[in-house]
């Protein structure tokens, strides 16, 4: 029995993609709780407190990890949508070029957002 591998999936198999989705979802949930918790427990927060919190090395690394997790999570989700709904059965012969363009646009957007986040987090103030 031959293994079917995806040429455009992020992982090497469906299990890898499933794990990427679950791990990235946990990272994003923990990040959201952390930031929301800081905001809720500091109702009189000043800009300097927010800047100090988000400017710490730990939060910069955590924020970048969250951005990378968001990019991976988004890619797997968008790839799944494109392979489920942009099919020849539903769209005819134009489906493959549209699916490839859609996936390419998703990859470019994810890369741009990750690079942009790095520039924001570690750029000059």
PDB file of N, CA and C in Angstrom:
ATOM      1  N   UNK A   1       0.848  -1.175   0.000  1.00  0.00           N
ATOM      2  CA  UNK A   1       0.000   0.000   0.000  1.00  0.00           C
ATOM      3  C   UNK A   1       0.892   1.235   0.000  1.00  0.00           C
ATOM      4  N   UNK A   2       0.735   2.092  -0.962  1.00  0.00           N
ATOM      5  CA  UNK A   2       1.564   3.295  -1.085  1.00  0.00           C
ATOM      6  C   UNK A   2       1.006   4.413  -0.218  1.00  0.00           C
ATOM      7  N   UNK A   3       1.901   5.157   0.379  1.00  0.00           N
ATOM      8  CA  UNK A   3       1.490   6.309   1.169  1.00  0.00           C
ATOM      9  C   UNK A   3       1.260   7.493   0.245  1.00  0.00           C
ATOM     10  N   UNK A   4       0.168   8.192   0.463  1.00  0.00           N
ATOM     11  CA  UNK A   4      -0.139   9.376  -0.324  1.00  0.00           C
ATOM     12  C   UNK A   4       0.382  10.576   0.451  1.00  0.00           C
ATOM     13  N   UNK A   5       1.253  11.353  -0.180  1.00  0.00           N
ATOM     14  CA  UNK A   5       1.815  12.522   0.474  1.00  0.00           C
ATOM     15  C   UNK A   5       1.319  13.779  -0.224  1.00  0.00           C
ATOM     16  N   UNK A   6       1.093  14.787   0.567  1.00  0.00           N
ATOM     17  CA  UNK A   6       0.637  16.052   0.014  1.00  0.00           C
ATOM     18  C   UNK A   6       1.833  16.879  -0.421  1.00  0.00           C
ATOM     19  N   UNK A   7       1.746  17.441  -1.593  1.00  0.00           N
ATOM     20  CA  UNK A   7       2.834  18.280  -2.098  1.00  0.00           C
ATOM     21  C   UNK A   7       2.783  19.674  -1.496  1.00  0.00           C
ATOM     22  N   UNK A   8       1.621  20.096  -1.025  1.00  0.00           N
ATOM     23  CA  UNK A   8       1.492  21.461  -0.527  1.00  0.00           C
ATOM     24  C   UNK A   8       1.152  21.539   0.955  1.00  0.00           C
ATOM     25  N   UNK A   9       0.930  20.426   1.612  1.00  0.00           N
ATOM     26  CA  UNK A   9       0.640  20.452   3.042  1.00  0.00           C
ATOM     27  C   UNK A   9       1.877  20.867   3.815  1.00  0.00           C
ATOM     28  N   UNK A  10       1.674  21.470   4.969  1.00  0.00           N
ATOM     29  CA  UNK A  10       2.795  21.928   5.788  1.00  0.00           C
ATOM     30  C   UNK A  10       3.555  20.740   6.377  1.00  0.00           C
ATOM     31  N   UNK A  11       2.829  19.767   6.849  1.00  0.00           N
ATOM     32  CA  UNK A  11       3.462  18.590   7.423  1.00  0.00           C
ATOM     33  C   UNK A  11       3.697  17.529   6.365  1.00  0.00           C
ATOM     34  N   UNK A  12       4.316  16.444   6.776  1.00  0.00           N
ATOM     35  CA  UNK A  12       4.597  15.363   5.833  1.00  0.00           C
ATOM     36  C   UNK A  12       3.417  14.407   5.708  1.00  0.00           C
ATOM     37  N   UNK A  13       2.465  14.535   6.606  1.00  0.00           N
ATOM     38  CA  UNK A  13       1.300  13.655   6.566  1.00  0.00           C
ATOM     39  C   UNK A  13       0.126  14.377   7.199  1.00  0.00           C
ATOM     40  N   UNK A  14      -1.028  13.748   7.115  1.00  0.00           N
ATOM     41  CA  UNK A  14      -2.210  14.307   7.763  1.00  0.00           C
ATOM     42  C   UNK A  14      -2.022  14.414   9.265  1.00  0.00           C
ATOM     43  N   UNK A  15      -1.313  13.447   9.850  1.00  0.00           N
ATOM     44  CA  UNK A  15      -1.064  13.492  11.288  1.00  0.00           C
ATOM     45  C   UNK A  15      -0.198  14.698  11.652  1.00  0.00           C
ATOM     46  N   UNK A  16       0.802  14.997  10.836  1.00  0.00           N
ATOM     47  CA  UNK A  16       1.653  16.165  11.097  1.00  0.00           C
ATOM     48  C   UNK A  16       0.843  17.449  11.024  1.00  0.00           C
ATOM     49  N   UNK A  17      -0.008  17.562  10.016  1.00  0.00           N
ATOM     50  CA  UNK A  17      -0.856  18.745   9.900  1.00  0.00           C
ATOM     51  C   UNK A  17      -1.799  18.853  11.089  1.00  0.00           C
ATOM     52  N   UNK A  18      -2.353  17.735  11.514  1.00  0.00           N
ATOM     53  CA  UNK A  18      -3.252  17.711  12.677  1.00  0.00           C
ATOM     54  C   UNK A  18      -2.506  18.180  13.926  1.00  0.00           C
ATOM     55  N   UNK A  19      -1.271  17.696  14.101  1.00  0.00           N
ATOM     56  CA  UNK A  19      -0.469  18.104  15.268  1.00  0.00           C
ATOM     57  C   UNK A  19      -0.123  19.593  15.209  1.00  0.00           C
ATOM     58  N   UNK A  20       0.217  20.093  14.024  1.00  0.00           N
ATOM     59  CA  UNK A  20       0.518  21.520  13.867  1.00  0.00           C
ATOM     60  C   UNK A  20      -0.695  22.337  14.283  1.00  0.00           C
ATOM     61  N   UNK A  21      -1.880  21.933  13.857  1.00  0.00           N
ATOM     62  CA  UNK A  21      -3.105  22.656  14.224  1.00  0.00           C
ATOM     63  C   UNK A  21      -3.323  22.643  15.730  1.00  0.00           C
ATOM     64  N   UNK A  22      -3.143  21.502  16.357  1.00  0.00           N
ATOM     65  CA  UNK A  22      -3.423  21.387  17.805  1.00  0.00           C
ATOM     66  C   UNK A  22      -2.379  22.123  18.637  1.00  0.00           C
ATOM     67  N   UNK A  23      -1.109  21.955  18.317  1.00  0.00           N
ATOM     68  CA  UNK A  23      -0.048  22.623  19.080  1.00  0.00           C
ATOM     69  C   UNK A  23      -0.143  24.137  18.897  1.00  0.00           C
ATOM     70  N   UNK A  24      -0.376  24.584  17.671  1.00  0.00           N
ATOM     71  CA  UNK A  24      -0.481  26.027  17.440  1.00  0.00           C
ATOM     72  C   UNK A  24      -1.710  26.597  18.140  1.00  0.00           C
ATOM     73  N   UNK A  25      -2.800  25.844  18.193  1.00  0.00           N
ATOM     74  CA  UNK A  25      -4.000  26.310  18.892  1.00  0.00           C
ATOM     75  C   UNK A  25      -3.726  26.482  20.386  1.00  0.00           C
ATOM     76  N   UNK A  26      -2.979  25.568  20.966  1.00  0.00           N
ATOM     77  CA  UNK A  26      -2.635  25.678  22.395  1.00  0.00           C
ATOM     78  C   UNK A  26      -1.739  26.897  22.628  1.00  0.00           C
ATOM     79  N   UNK A  27      -0.743  27.088  21.780  1.00  0.00           N
ATOM     80  CA  UNK A  27       0.140  28.259  21.911  1.00  0.00           C
ATOM     81  C   UNK A  27      -0.667  29.544  21.824  1.00  0.00           C
ATOM     82  N   UNK A  28      -1.570  29.632  20.849  1.00  0.00           N
ATOM     83  CA  UNK A  28      -2.385  30.836  20.683  1.00  0.00           C
ATOM     84  C   UNK A  28      -3.331  31.043  21.860  1.00  0.00           C
ATOM     85  N   UNK A  29      -3.880  29.973  22.410  1.00  0.00           N
ATOM     86  CA  UNK A  29      -4.772  30.085  23.568  1.00  0.00           C
ATOM     87  C   UNK A  29      -4.004  30.574  24.798  1.00  0.00           C
ATOM     88  N   UNK A  30      -2.836  30.001  25.044  1.00  0.00           N
ATOM     89  CA  UNK A  30      -2.029  30.421  26.204  1.00  0.00           C
ATOM     90  C   UNK A  30      -1.586  31.873  26.048  1.00  0.00           C
ATOM     91  N   UNK A  31      -1.181  32.259  24.850  1.00  0.00           N
ATOM     92  CA  UNK A  31      -0.778  33.643  24.594  1.00  0.00           C
ATOM     93  C   UNK A  31      -1.943  34.598  24.849  1.00  0.00           C
ATOM     94  N   UNK A  32      -3.117  34.248  24.343  1.00  0.00           N
ATOM     95  CA  UNK A  32      -4.299  35.085  24.534  1.00  0.00           C
ATOM     96  C   UNK A  32      -4.651  35.239  26.011  1.00  0.00           C
ATOM     97  N   UNK A  33      -4.605  34.148  26.749  1.00  0.00           N
ATOM     98  CA  UNK A  33      -4.901  34.196  28.189  1.00  0.00           C
ATOM     99  C   UNK A  33      -3.866  35.056  28.910  1.00  0.00           C
ATOM    100  N   UNK A  34      -2.617  34.933  28.543  1.00  0.00           N
ATOM    101  CA  UNK A  34      -1.535  35.709  29.158  1.00  0.00           C
ATOM    102  C   UNK A  34      -1.742  37.211  28.936  1.00  0.00           C
ATOM    103  N   UNK A  35      -1.987  37.606  27.711  1.00  0.00           N
ATOM    104  CA  UNK A  35      -2.177  39.029  27.408  1.00  0.00           C
ATOM    105  C   UNK A  35      -3.474  39.542  28.032  1.00  0.00           C
ATOM    106  N   UNK A  36      -4.554  38.782  27.908  1.00  0.00           N
ATOM    107  CA  UNK A  36      -5.827  39.189  28.503  1.00  0.00           C
ATOM    108  C   UNK A  36      -5.714  39.291  30.026  1.00  0.00           C
ATOM    109  N   UNK A  37      -5.014  38.326  30.631  1.00  0.00           N
ATOM    110  CA  UNK A  37      -4.807  38.366  32.078  1.00  0.00           C
ATOM    111  C   UNK A  37      -4.055  39.614  32.511  1.00  0.00           C
ATOM    112  N   UNK A  38      -3.036  39.986  31.776  1.00  0.00           N
ATOM    113  CA  UNK A  38      -2.277  41.194  32.106  1.00  0.00           C
ATOM    114  C   UNK A  38      -3.179  42.423  32.024  1.00  0.00           C
ATOM    115  N   UNK A  39      -3.991  42.495  30.988  1.00  0.00           N
ATOM    116  CA  UNK A  39      -4.889  43.644  30.811  1.00  0.00           C
ATOM    117  C   UNK A  39      -5.935  43.685  31.926  1.00  0.00           C
ATOM    118  N   UNK A  40      -6.523  42.525  32.248  1.00  0.00           N
ATOM    119  CA  UNK A  40      -7.567  42.488  33.271  1.00  0.00           C
ATOM    120  C   UNK A  40      -7.035  42.782  34.674  1.00  0.00           C
ATOM    121  N   UNK A  41      -5.829  42.354  34.974  1.00  0.00           N
ATOM    122  CA  UNK A  41      -5.266  42.568  36.303  1.00  0.00           C
ATOM    123  C   UNK A  41      -4.560  43.916  36.445  1.00  0.00           C
ATOM    124  N   UNK A  42      -4.575  44.710  35.401  1.00  0.00           N
ATOM    125  CA  UNK A  42      -3.998  46.052  35.434  1.00  0.00           C
ATOM    126  C   UNK A  42      -4.999  47.054  34.853  1.00  0.00           C
ATOM    127  N   UNK A  43      -6.129  47.276  35.552  1.00  0.00           N
ATOM    128  CA  UNK A  43      -7.167  48.141  34.983  1.00  0.00           C
ATOM    129  C   UNK A  43      -6.727  49.601  34.816  1.00  0.00           C
ATOM    130  N   UNK A  44      -5.787  50.048  35.604  1.00  0.00           N
ATOM    131  CA  UNK A  44      -5.291  51.424  35.516  1.00  0.00           C
ATOM    132  C   UNK A  44      -3.954  51.463  34.779  1.00  0.00           C
ATOM    133  N   UNK A  45      -3.791  50.576  33.838  1.00  0.00           N
ATOM    134  CA  UNK A  45      -2.512  50.417  33.153  1.00  0.00           C
ATOM    135  C   UNK A  45      -2.130  51.668  32.361  1.00  0.00           C
ATOM    136  N   UNK A  46      -0.871  52.006  32.471  1.00  0.00           N
ATOM    137  CA  UNK A  46      -0.338  53.126  31.694  1.00  0.00           C
ATOM    138  C   UNK A  46       0.357  52.570  30.441  1.00  0.00           C
ATOM    139  N   UNK A  47       0.641  53.462  29.518  1.00  0.00           N
ATOM    140  CA  UNK A  47       1.358  53.065  28.309  1.00  0.00           C
ATOM    141  C   UNK A  47       2.729  52.500  28.674  1.00  0.00           C
ATOM    142  N   UNK A  48       3.375  53.102  29.673  1.00  0.00           N
ATOM    143  CA  UNK A  48       4.708  52.633  30.078  1.00  0.00           C
ATOM    144  C   UNK A  48       4.660  51.206  30.614  1.00  0.00           C
ATOM    145  N   UNK A  49       3.597  50.856  31.369  1.00  0.00           N
ATOM    146  CA  UNK A  49       3.458  49.485  31.879  1.00  0.00           C
ATOM    147  C   UNK A  49       3.252  48.503  30.718  1.00  0.00           C
ATOM    148  N   UNK A  50       2.390  48.884  29.775  1.00  0.00           N
ATOM    149  CA  UNK A  50       2.141  48.024  28.609  1.00  0.00           C
ATOM    150  C   UNK A  50       3.417  47.852  27.796  1.00  0.00           C
ATOM    151  N   UNK A  51       4.127  48.957  27.579  1.00  0.00           N
ATOM    152  CA  UNK A  51       5.368  48.915  26.809  1.00  0.00           C
ATOM    153  C   UNK A  51       6.407  48.046  27.513  1.00  0.00           C
ATOM    154  N   UNK A  52       6.481  48.158  28.839  1.00  0.00           N
ATOM    155  CA  UNK A  52       7.429  47.349  29.607  1.00  0.00           C
ATOM    156  C   UNK A  52       7.069  45.861  29.507  1.00  0.00           C
ATOM    157  N   UNK A  53       5.779  45.553  29.625  1.00  0.00           N
ATOM    158  CA  UNK A  53       5.315  44.163  29.541  1.00  0.00           C
ATOM    159  C   UNK A  53       5.603  43.564  28.165  1.00  0.00           C
ATOM    160  N   UNK A  54       5.166  44.271  27.122  1.00  0.00           N
ATOM    161  CA  UNK A  54       5.337  43.741  25.767  1.00  0.00           C
ATOM    162  C   UNK A  54       6.773  43.866  25.258  1.00  0.00           C
ATOM    163  N   UNK A  55       7.556  44.740  25.854  1.00  0.00           N
ATOM    164  CA  UNK A  55       8.936  44.938  25.432  1.00  0.00           C
ATOM    165  C   UNK A  55       9.929  44.005  26.093  1.00  0.00           C
ATOM    166  N   UNK A  56       9.453  43.226  27.076  1.00  0.00           N
ATOM    167  CA  UNK A  56      10.372  42.287  27.732  1.00  0.00           C
ATOM    168  C   UNK A  56      10.776  41.193  26.745  1.00  0.00           C
ATOM    169  N   UNK A  57      11.958  40.663  26.937  1.00  0.00           N
ATOM    170  CA  UNK A  57      12.456  39.621  26.036  1.00  0.00           C
ATOM    171  C   UNK A  57      11.521  38.416  26.018  1.00  0.00           C
ATOM    172  N   UNK A  58      10.996  38.036  27.176  1.00  0.00           N
ATOM    173  CA  UNK A  58      10.099  36.882  27.234  1.00  0.00           C
ATOM    174  C   UNK A  58       8.845  37.105  26.383  1.00  0.00           C
ATOM    175  N   UNK A  59       8.250  38.296  26.482  1.00  0.00           N
ATOM    176  CA  UNK A  59       7.042  38.565  25.713  1.00  0.00           C
ATOM    177  C   UNK A  59       7.347  38.728  24.227  1.00  0.00           C
ATOM    178  N   UNK A  60       8.513  39.266  23.900  1.00  0.00           N
ATOM    179  CA  UNK A  60       8.880  39.357  22.484  1.00  0.00           C
ATOM    180  C   UNK A  60       9.011  37.961  21.875  1.00  0.00           C
ATOM    181  N   UNK A  61       9.674  37.068  22.588  1.00  0.00           N
ATOM    182  CA  UNK A  61       9.836  35.696  22.103  1.00  0.00           C
ATOM    183  C   UNK A  61       8.473  35.000  22.054  1.00  0.00           C
ATOM    184  N   UNK A  62       7.661  35.180  23.111  1.00  0.00           N
ATOM    185  CA  UNK A  62       6.335  34.568  23.159  1.00  0.00           C
ATOM    186  C   UNK A  62       5.442  35.127  22.046  1.00  0.00           C
ATOM    187  N   UNK A  63       5.524  36.423  21.806  1.00  0.00           N
ATOM    188  CA  UNK A  63       4.735  37.045  20.735  1.00  0.00           C
ATOM    189  C   UNK A  63       5.152  36.509  19.372  1.00  0.00           C
ATOM    190  N   UNK A  64       6.454  36.375  19.154  1.00  0.00           N
ATOM    191  CA  UNK A  64       6.924  35.841  17.875  1.00  0.00           C
ATOM    192  C   UNK A  64       6.496  34.388  17.709  1.00  0.00           C
ATOM    193  N   UNK A  65       6.581  33.609  18.786  1.00  0.00           N
ATOM    194  CA  UNK A  65       6.120  32.223  18.742  1.00  0.00           C
ATOM    195  C   UNK A  65       4.630  32.169  18.401  1.00  0.00           C
ATOM    196  N   UNK A  66       3.852  33.089  18.970  1.00  0.00           N
ATOM    197  CA  UNK A  66       2.417  33.138  18.672  1.00  0.00           C
ATOM    198  C   UNK A  66       2.174  33.494  17.205  1.00  0.00           C
ATOM    199  N   UNK A  67       2.958  34.414  16.652  1.00  0.00           N
ATOM    200  CA  UNK A  67       2.813  34.783  15.241  1.00  0.00           C
ATOM    201  C   UNK A  67       3.157  33.598  14.331  1.00  0.00           C
ATOM    202  N   UNK A  68       4.233  32.890  14.654  1.00  0.00           N
ATOM    203  CA  UNK A  68       4.608  31.704  13.866  1.00  0.00           C
ATOM    204  C   UNK A  68       3.521  30.631  13.990  1.00  0.00           C
ATOM    205  N   UNK A  69       2.993  30.452  15.206  1.00  0.00           N
ATOM    206  CA  UNK A  69       1.908  29.482  15.410  1.00  0.00           C
ATOM    207  C   UNK A  69       0.678  29.879  14.609  1.00  0.00           C
ATOM    208  N   UNK A  70       0.369  31.177  14.587  1.00  0.00           N
ATOM    209  CA  UNK A  70      -0.769  31.660  13.811  1.00  0.00           C
ATOM    210  C   UNK A  70      -0.568  31.402  12.314  1.00  0.00           C
ATOM    211  N   UNK A  71       0.650  31.619  11.835  1.00  0.00           N
ATOM    212  CA  UNK A  71       0.945  31.371  10.416  1.00  0.00           C
ATOM    213  C   UNK A  71       0.796  29.883  10.085  1.00  0.00           C
ATOM    214  N   UNK A  72       1.332  29.018  10.925  1.00  0.00           N
ATOM    215  CA  UNK A  72       1.209  27.571  10.697  1.00  0.00           C
ATOM    216  C   UNK A  72      -0.235  27.103  10.787  1.00  0.00           C
ATOM    217  N   UNK A  73      -0.937  27.593  11.793  1.00  0.00           N
ATOM    218  CA  UNK A  73      -2.336  27.231  11.990  1.00  0.00           C
ATOM    219  C   UNK A  73      -3.171  27.690  10.794  1.00  0.00           C
ATOM    220  N   UNK A  74      -2.931  28.924  10.376  1.00  0.00           N
ATOM    221  CA  UNK A  74      -3.665  29.469   9.239  1.00  0.00           C
ATOM    222  C   UNK A  74      -3.371  28.735   7.955  1.00  0.00           C
ATOM    223  N   UNK A  75      -2.099  28.387   7.742  1.00  0.00           N
ATOM    224  CA  UNK A  75      -1.739  27.682   6.512  1.00  0.00           C
ATOM    225  C   UNK A  75      -2.433  26.328   6.434  1.00  0.00           C
ATOM    226  N   UNK A  76      -2.388  25.561   7.504  1.00  0.00           N
ATOM    227  CA  UNK A  76      -3.025  24.237   7.477  1.00  0.00           C
ATOM    228  C   UNK A  76      -4.525  24.388   7.237  1.00  0.00           C
ATOM    229  N   UNK A  77      -5.138  25.354   7.904  1.00  0.00           N
ATOM    230  CA  UNK A  77      -6.570  25.572   7.709  1.00  0.00           C
ATOM    231  C   UNK A  77      -6.915  26.000   6.301  1.00  0.00           C
ATOM    232  N   UNK A  78      -6.163  26.941   5.751  1.00  0.00           N
ATOM    233  CA  UNK A  78      -6.439  27.429   4.395  1.00  0.00           C
ATOM    234  C   UNK A  78      -6.129  26.365   3.344  1.00  0.00           C
ATOM    235  N   UNK A  79      -5.083  25.566   3.572  1.00  0.00           N
ATOM    236  CA  UNK A  79      -4.779  24.464   2.652  1.00  0.00           C
ATOM    237  C   UNK A  79      -5.930  23.458   2.651  1.00  0.00           C
ATOM    238  N   UNK A  80      -6.451  23.163   3.832  1.00  0.00           N
ATOM    239  CA  UNK A  80      -7.569  22.226   3.933  1.00  0.00           C
ATOM    240  C   UNK A  80      -8.793  22.765   3.200  1.00  0.00           C
ATOM    241  N   UNK A  81      -9.090  24.039   3.406  1.00  0.00           N
ATOM    242  CA  UNK A  81     -10.224  24.652   2.718  1.00  0.00           C
ATOM    243  C   UNK A  81     -10.022  24.594   1.200  1.00  0.00           C
ATOM    244  N   UNK A  82      -8.811  24.930   0.752  1.00  0.00           N
ATOM    245  CA  UNK A  82      -8.578  24.953  -0.700  1.00  0.00           C
ATOM    246  C   UNK A  82      -8.675  23.567  -1.317  1.00  0.00           C
ATOM    247  N   UNK A  83      -8.207  22.557  -0.627  1.00  0.00           N
ATOM    248  CA  UNK A  83      -8.277  21.212  -1.205  1.00  0.00           C
ATOM    249  C   UNK A  83      -9.671  20.608  -1.072  1.00  0.00           C
ATOM    250  N   UNK A  84     -10.472  21.101  -0.131  1.00  0.00           N
ATOM    251  CA  UNK A  84     -11.837  20.596   0.014  1.00  0.00           C
ATOM    252  C   UNK A  84     -12.823  21.291  -0.916  1.00  0.00           C
ATOM    253  N   UNK A  85     -12.643  22.585  -1.147  1.00  0.00           N
ATOM    254  CA  UNK A  85     -13.660  23.354  -1.860  1.00  0.00           C
ATOM    255  C   UNK A  85     -13.245  23.856  -3.242  1.00  0.00           C
ATOM    256  N   UNK A  86     -11.974  23.933  -3.518  1.00  0.00           N
ATOM    257  CA  UNK A  86     -11.535  24.361  -4.852  1.00  0.00           C
ATOM    258  C   UNK A  86     -11.171  23.123  -5.662  1.00  0.00           C
ATOM    259  N   UNK A  87     -12.173  22.347  -5.983  1.00  0.00           N
ATOM    260  CA  UNK A  87     -11.970  21.077  -6.684  1.00  0.00           C
ATOM    261  C   UNK A  87     -12.588  21.125  -8.074  1.00  0.00           C
ATOM    262  N   UNK A  88     -12.119  20.248  -8.930  1.00  0.00           N
ATOM    263  CA  UNK A  88     -12.654  20.163 -10.292  1.00  0.00           C
ATOM    264  C   UNK A  88     -14.115  19.740 -10.285  1.00  0.00           C
ATOM    265  N   UNK A  89     -14.500  18.954  -9.312  1.00  0.00           N
ATOM    266  CA  UNK A  89     -15.890  18.511  -9.213  1.00  0.00           C
ATOM    267  C   UNK A  89     -16.818  19.708  -8.985  1.00  0.00           C
ATOM    268  N   UNK A  90     -16.337  20.707  -8.262  1.00  0.00           N
ATOM    269  CA  UNK A  90     -17.170  21.867  -7.959  1.00  0.00           C
ATOM    270  C   UNK A  90     -16.953  23.031  -8.915  1.00  0.00           C
ATOM    271  N   UNK A  91     -15.741  23.143  -9.489  1.00  0.00           N
ATOM    272  CA  UNK A  91     -15.424  24.325 -10.290  1.00  0.00           C
ATOM    273  C   UNK A  91     -15.032  24.022 -11.729  1.00  0.00           C
ATOM    274  N   UNK A  92     -14.860  22.784 -12.058  1.00  0.00           N
ATOM    275  CA  UNK A  92     -14.443  22.441 -13.411  1.00  0.00           C
ATOM    276  C   UNK A  92     -12.927  22.532 -13.562  1.00  0.00           C
ATOM    277  N   UNK A  93     -12.467  22.701 -14.794  1.00  0.00           N
ATOM    278  CA  UNK A  93     -11.040  22.652 -15.090  1.00  0.00           C
ATOM    279  C   UNK A  93     -10.256  23.851 -14.545  1.00  0.00           C
ATOM    280  N   UNK A  94     -10.938  24.903 -14.174  1.00  0.00           N
ATOM    281  CA  UNK A  94     -10.254  26.093 -13.652  1.00  0.00           C
ATOM    282  C   UNK A  94      -9.857  25.928 -12.171  1.00  0.00           C
ATOM    283  N   UNK A  95     -10.301  24.873 -11.536  1.00  0.00           N
ATOM    284  CA  UNK A  95     -10.071  24.679 -10.096  1.00  0.00           C
ATOM    285  C   UNK A  95      -8.587  24.602  -9.744  1.00  0.00           C
ATOM    286  N   UNK A  96      -7.807  23.845 -10.501  1.00  0.00           N
ATOM    287  CA  UNK A  96      -6.395  23.660 -10.155  1.00  0.00           C
ATOM    288  C   UNK A  96      -5.618  24.971 -10.183  1.00  0.00           C
ATOM    289  N   UNK A  97      -5.701  25.786 -11.236  1.00  0.00           N
ATOM    290  CA  UNK A  97      -4.971  27.058 -11.207  1.00  0.00           C
ATOM    291  C   UNK A  97      -5.447  27.995 -10.095  1.00  0.00           C
ATOM    292  N   UNK A  98      -6.748  28.013  -9.843  1.00  0.00           N
ATOM    293  CA  UNK A  98      -7.268  28.863  -8.761  1.00  0.00           C
ATOM    294  C   UNK A  98      -6.758  28.372  -7.417  1.00  0.00           C
ATOM    295  N   UNK A  99      -6.763  27.057  -7.200  1.00  0.00           N
ATOM    296  CA  UNK A  99      -6.278  26.487  -5.944  1.00  0.00           C
ATOM    297  C   UNK A  99      -4.797  26.811  -5.742  1.00  0.00           C
ATOM    298  N   UNK A 100      -4.004  26.695  -6.803  1.00  0.00           N
ATOM    299  CA  UNK A 100      -2.569  26.990  -6.701  1.00  0.00           C
ATOM    300  C   UNK A 100      -2.349  28.470  -6.382  1.00  0.00           C
ATOM    301  N   UNK A 101      -3.072  29.352  -7.042  1.00  0.00           N
ATOM    302  CA  UNK A 101      -2.955  30.792  -6.759  1.00  0.00           C
ATOM    303  C   UNK A 101      -3.396  31.114  -5.340  1.00  0.00           C
ATOM    304  N   UNK A 102      -4.476  30.495  -4.894  1.00  0.00           N
ATOM    305  CA  UNK A 102      -4.969  30.689  -3.537  1.00  0.00           C
ATOM    306  C   UNK A 102      -3.925  30.246  -2.511  1.00  0.00           C
ATOM    307  N   UNK A 103      -3.353  29.071  -2.719  1.00  0.00           N
ATOM    308  CA  UNK A 103      -2.342  28.563  -1.794  1.00  0.00           C
ATOM    309  C   UNK A 103      -1.073  29.419  -1.833  1.00  0.00           C
ATOM    310  N   UNK A 104      -0.672  29.860  -3.000  1.00  0.00           N
ATOM    311  CA  UNK A 104       0.496  30.725  -3.134  1.00  0.00           C
ATOM    312  C   UNK A 104       0.273  32.053  -2.413  1.00  0.00           C
ATOM    313  N   UNK A 105      -0.908  32.638  -2.586  1.00  0.00           N
ATOM    314  CA  UNK A 105      -1.229  33.892  -1.895  1.00  0.00           C
ATOM    315  C   UNK A 105      -1.224  33.699  -0.387  1.00  0.00           C
ATOM    316  N   UNK A 106      -1.712  32.564   0.087  1.00  0.00           N
ATOM    317  CA  UNK A 106      -1.720  32.265   1.520  1.00  0.00           C
ATOM    318  C   UNK A 106      -0.298  32.135   2.052  1.00  0.00           C
ATOM    319  N   UNK A 107       0.559  31.438   1.322  1.00  0.00           N
ATOM    320  CA  UNK A 107       1.958  31.270   1.744  1.00  0.00           C
ATOM    321  C   UNK A 107       2.672  32.620   1.779  1.00  0.00           C
ATOM    322  N   UNK A 108       2.493  33.419   0.740  1.00  0.00           N
ATOM    323  CA  UNK A 108       3.146  34.733   0.689  1.00  0.00           C
ATOM    324  C   UNK A 108       2.665  35.608   1.845  1.00  0.00           C
ATOM    325  N   UNK A 109       1.366  35.619   2.094  1.00  0.00           N
ATOM    326  CA  UNK A 109       0.830  36.420   3.199  1.00  0.00           C
ATOM    327  C   UNK A 109       1.411  35.963   4.540  1.00  0.00           C
ATOM    328  N   UNK A 110       1.482  34.663   4.763  1.00  0.00           N
ATOM    329  CA  UNK A 110       2.015  34.146   6.027  1.00  0.00           C
ATOM    330  C   UNK A 110       3.481  34.546   6.207  1.00  0.00           C
ATOM    331  N   UNK A 111       4.263  34.425   5.156  1.00  0.00           N
ATOM    332  CA  UNK A 111       5.685  34.803   5.239  1.00  0.00           C
ATOM    333  C   UNK A 111       5.828  36.294   5.499  1.00  0.00           C
ATOM    334  N   UNK A 112       5.057  37.101   4.781  1.00  0.00           N
ATOM    335  CA  UNK A 112       5.120  38.554   4.977  1.00  0.00           C
ATOM    336  C   UNK A 112       4.762  38.917   6.417  1.00  0.00           C
ATOM    337  N   UNK A 113       3.710  38.310   6.951  1.00  0.00           N
ATOM    338  CA  UNK A 113       3.296  38.624   8.322  1.00  0.00           C
ATOM    339  C   UNK A 113       4.335  38.204   9.347  1.00  0.00           C
ATOM    340  N   UNK A 114       4.969  37.061   9.156  1.00  0.00           N
ATOM    341  CA  UNK A 114       6.004  36.612  10.108  1.00  0.00           C
ATOM    342  C   UNK A 114       7.218  37.538  10.041  1.00  0.00           C
ATOM    343  N   UNK A 115       7.652  37.899   8.844  1.00  0.00           N
ATOM    344  CA  UNK A 115       8.798  38.817   8.700  1.00  0.00           C
ATOM    345  C   UNK A 115       8.445  40.187   9.270  1.00  0.00           C
ATOM    346  N   UNK A 116       7.252  40.667   8.989  1.00  0.00           N
ATOM    347  CA  UNK A 116       6.797  41.958   9.498  1.00  0.00           C
ATOM    348  C   UNK A 116       6.762  41.952  11.023  1.00  0.00           C
ATOM    349  N   UNK A 117       6.271  40.863  11.607  1.00  0.00           N
ATOM    350  CA  UNK A 117       6.243  40.744  13.075  1.00  0.00           C
ATOM    351  C   UNK A 117       7.659  40.788  13.652  1.00  0.00           C
ATOM    352  N   UNK A 118       8.598  40.099  13.007  1.00  0.00           N
ATOM    353  CA  UNK A 118       9.987  40.111  13.479  1.00  0.00           C
ATOM    354  C   UNK A 118      10.544  41.528  13.426  1.00  0.00           C
ATOM    355  N   UNK A 119      10.237  42.245  12.356  1.00  0.00           N
ATOM    356  CA  UNK A 119      10.720  43.630  12.229  1.00  0.00           C
ATOM    357  C   UNK A 119      10.130  44.513  13.319  1.00  0.00           C
ATOM    358  N   UNK A 120       8.859  44.314  13.626  1.00  0.00           N
ATOM    359  CA  UNK A 120       8.207  45.098  14.675  1.00  0.00           C
ATOM    360  C   UNK A 120       8.779  44.751  16.042  1.00  0.00           C
ATOM    361  N   UNK A 121       8.910  43.453  16.320  1.00  0.00           N
ATOM    362  CA  UNK A 121       9.350  43.025  17.652  1.00  0.00           C
ATOM    363  C   UNK A 121      10.806  43.346  17.932  1.00  0.00           C
ATOM    364  N   UNK A 122      11.661  43.207  16.930  1.00  0.00           N
ATOM    365  CA  UNK A 122      13.092  43.401  17.162  1.00  0.00           C
ATOM    366  C   UNK A 122      13.682  44.560  16.370  1.00  0.00           C
ATOM    367  N   UNK A 123      12.830  45.386  15.819  1.00  0.00           N
ATOM    368  CA  UNK A 123      13.318  46.550  15.082  1.00  0.00           C
ATOM    369  C   UNK A 123      13.785  47.647  16.030  1.00  0.00           C
ATOM    370  N   UNK A 124      14.322  48.684  15.455  1.00  0.00           N
ATOM    371  CA  UNK A 124      14.803  49.819  16.248  1.00  0.00           C
ATOM    372  C   UNK A 124      13.600  50.611  16.762  1.00  0.00           C
ATOM    373  N   UNK A 125      13.724  51.105  17.988  1.00  0.00           N
ATOM    374  CA  UNK A 125      12.639  51.906  18.584  1.00  0.00           C
ATOM    375  C   UNK A 125      12.830  53.365  18.269  1.00  0.00           C
TER     376      UNK A 125
END
